[in-house]
Each structure stands twice: as structure tokens, then as C-alpha cells.
C-alpha atoms as a PDB file:
ATOM      1  CA  UNK A   1    -120.466  78.212 -28.199  1.00  0.00           C
ATOM      2  CA  UNK A   2    -118.691  75.153 -26.834  1.00  0.00           C
ATOM      3  CA  UNK A   3    -115.017  74.167 -26.754  1.00  0.00           C
ATOM      4  CA  UNK A   4    -113.998  70.918 -28.445  1.00  0.00           C
ATOM      5  CA  UNK A   5    -110.782  68.889 -28.180  1.00  0.00           C
ATOM      6  CA  UNK A   6    -109.902  67.018 -31.376  1.00  0.00           C
ATOM      7  CA  UNK A   7    -107.019  64.549 -31.506  1.00  0.00           C
ATOM      8  CA  UNK A   8    -105.622  62.057 -34.037  1.00  0.00           C
ATOM      9  CA  UNK A   9    -106.449  58.415 -33.356  1.00  0.00           C
ATOM     10  CA  UNK A  10    -103.387  56.229 -33.933  1.00  0.00           C
ATOM     11  CA  UNK A  11     -99.932  57.090 -35.194  1.00  0.00           C
ATOM     12  CA  UNK A  12     -98.926  60.516 -36.444  1.00  0.00           C
ATOM     13  CA  UNK A  13     -96.289  61.574 -38.941  1.00  0.00           C
ATOM     14  CA  UNK A  14     -94.247  64.692 -39.672  1.00  0.00           C
ATOM     15  CA  UNK A  15     -95.993  67.842 -40.900  1.00  0.00           C
ATOM     16  CA  UNK A  16     -99.292  66.617 -39.467  1.00  0.00           C
ATOM     17  CA  UNK A  17    -101.575  68.489 -37.128  1.00  0.00           C
ATOM     18  CA  UNK A  18    -102.256  66.082 -34.287  1.00  0.00           C
ATOM     19  CA  UNK A  19    -104.729  68.093 -32.231  1.00  0.00           C
ATOM     20  CA  UNK A  20    -106.964  71.134 -32.091  1.00  0.00           C
ATOM     21  CA  UNK A  21    -109.013  72.991 -29.512  1.00  0.00           C
ATOM     22  CA  UNK A  22    -111.908  74.574 -31.400  1.00  0.00           C
ATOM     23  CA  UNK A  23    -114.801  76.822 -30.415  1.00  0.00           C
ATOM     24  CA  UNK A  24    -117.948  75.731 -32.272  1.00  0.00           C
ATOM     25  CA  UNK A  25    -121.681  75.150 -31.805  1.00  0.00           C
ATOM     26  CA  UNK A  26    -121.438  71.365 -32.253  1.00  0.00           C
ATOM     27  CA  UNK A  27    -119.122  68.471 -33.109  1.00  0.00           C
ATOM     28  CA  UNK A  28    -119.828  68.654 -36.848  1.00  0.00           C
ATOM     29  CA  UNK A  29    -118.806  72.324 -36.951  1.00  0.00           C
ATOM     30  CA  UNK A  30    -115.716  71.639 -34.810  1.00  0.00           C
ATOM     31  CA  UNK A  31    -114.617  68.852 -37.149  1.00  0.00           C
ATOM     32  CA  UNK A  32    -115.200  71.076 -40.201  1.00  0.00           C
ATOM     33  CA  UNK A  33    -113.062  73.857 -38.751  1.00  0.00           C
ATOM     34  CA  UNK A  34    -110.249  71.423 -37.933  1.00  0.00           C
ATOM     35  CA  UNK A  35    -110.428  69.950 -41.443  1.00  0.00           C
ATOM     36  CA  UNK A  36    -109.915  73.419 -42.933  1.00  0.00           C
ATOM     37  CA  UNK A  37    -106.659  73.790 -40.964  1.00  0.00           C
ATOM     38  CA  UNK A  38    -105.326  70.278 -41.668  1.00  0.00           C
ATOM     39  CA  UNK A  39    -101.710  69.597 -42.471  1.00  0.00           C
ATOM     40  CA  UNK A  40    -100.290  66.644 -44.415  1.00  0.00           C
ATOM     41  CA  UNK A  41    -102.710  64.283 -42.643  1.00  0.00           C
ATOM     42  CA  UNK A  42    -105.486  65.644 -44.874  1.00  0.00           C
ATOM     43  CA  UNK A  43    -108.845  67.209 -44.057  1.00  0.00           C
ATOM     44  CA  UNK A  44    -110.685  63.862 -44.026  1.00  0.00           C
ATOM     45  CA  UNK A  45    -108.767  62.880 -40.897  1.00  0.00           C
ATOM     46  CA  UNK A  46    -110.713  65.451 -38.911  1.00  0.00           C
ATOM     47  CA  UNK A  47    -114.166  64.738 -40.330  1.00  0.00           C
ATOM     48  CA  UNK A  48    -113.907  60.929 -39.942  1.00  0.00           C
ATOM     49  CA  UNK A  49    -114.440  59.611 -36.369  1.00  0.00           C
ATOM     50  CA  UNK A  50    -112.346  56.528 -37.229  1.00  0.00           C
ATOM     51  CA  UNK A  51    -109.264  58.741 -37.551  1.00  0.00           C
ATOM     52  CA  UNK A  52    -109.848  61.438 -34.924  1.00  0.00           C
ATOM     53  CA  UNK A  53    -111.627  61.927 -31.642  1.00  0.00           C
ATOM     54  CA  UNK A  54    -113.767  64.947 -30.790  1.00  0.00           C
ATOM     55  CA  UNK A  55    -114.713  65.594 -27.177  1.00  0.00           C
ATOM     56  CA  UNK A  56    -116.514  68.538 -25.661  1.00  0.00           C
ATOM     57  CA  UNK A  57    -114.443  70.329 -23.038  1.00  0.00           C
ATOM     58  CA  UNK A  58    -116.372  71.156 -19.900  1.00  0.00           C
ATOM     59  CA  UNK A  59    -115.480  73.485 -17.048  1.00  0.00           C
ATOM     60  CA  UNK A  60    -115.219  70.669 -14.513  1.00  0.00           C
ATOM     61  CA  UNK A  61    -112.037  68.643 -14.318  1.00  0.00           C
ATOM     62  CA  UNK A  62    -108.516  68.438 -13.026  1.00  0.00           C
ATOM     63  CA  UNK A  63    -106.051  71.289 -13.454  1.00  0.00           C
ATOM     64  CA  UNK A  64    -103.503  70.744 -16.188  1.00  0.00           C
ATOM     65  CA  UNK A  65    -102.610  71.086 -19.834  1.00  0.00           C
ATOM     66  CA  UNK A  66    -105.488  70.490 -22.236  1.00  0.00           C
ATOM     67  CA  UNK A  67    -103.375  69.956 -25.365  1.00  0.00           C
ATOM     68  CA  UNK A  68     -99.657  70.015 -26.094  1.00  0.00           C
ATOM     69  CA  UNK A  69     -98.968  69.345 -29.768  1.00  0.00           C
ATOM     70  CA  UNK A  70     -95.284  68.825 -30.629  1.00  0.00           C
ATOM     71  CA  UNK A  71     -94.369  66.980 -33.824  1.00  0.00           C
ATOM     72  CA  UNK A  72     -91.191  68.556 -35.199  1.00  0.00           C
ATOM     73  CA  UNK A  73     -89.535  67.003 -38.224  1.00  0.00           C
END
């Protein structure tokens, strides 16, 4: 299984999920899992590449936070 980083493209609003880190076999499965956990942004946000990005996380890279999601209302 691979790790995937999904993030909203564009502006976000209250009660929205704005990012996920998902373990899945491929991008389609990662997007499906994120869509099932969607907030007020709606599940289509996570399955549509125009509204969200989906990047495979690899072991190489700089040390640091992968995702901090803070959108309190």
C-alpha cells in the first residue's frame, strides 16, 4: 500500500475537511476513501482533480510536518 496526501485546491470554508493522508493501493482508491469522510465540502471535492490534489508520499524528502489541518469555525 502507498500513502497519499490529498488537499483542497483553492479556498476552504468552515466545517470542511481540507486535507487527508490516506493509505491506499492507488490514487482512485485514495480519492474514494477521502470522499467517504468528506465534510461540508462534499464528497465530489475529493474525487474531482479540479477541486483537490492527490500526491503520493514517498520516503525521500525533507523533515517536517506532512499535513496540519486547522479550520475552526
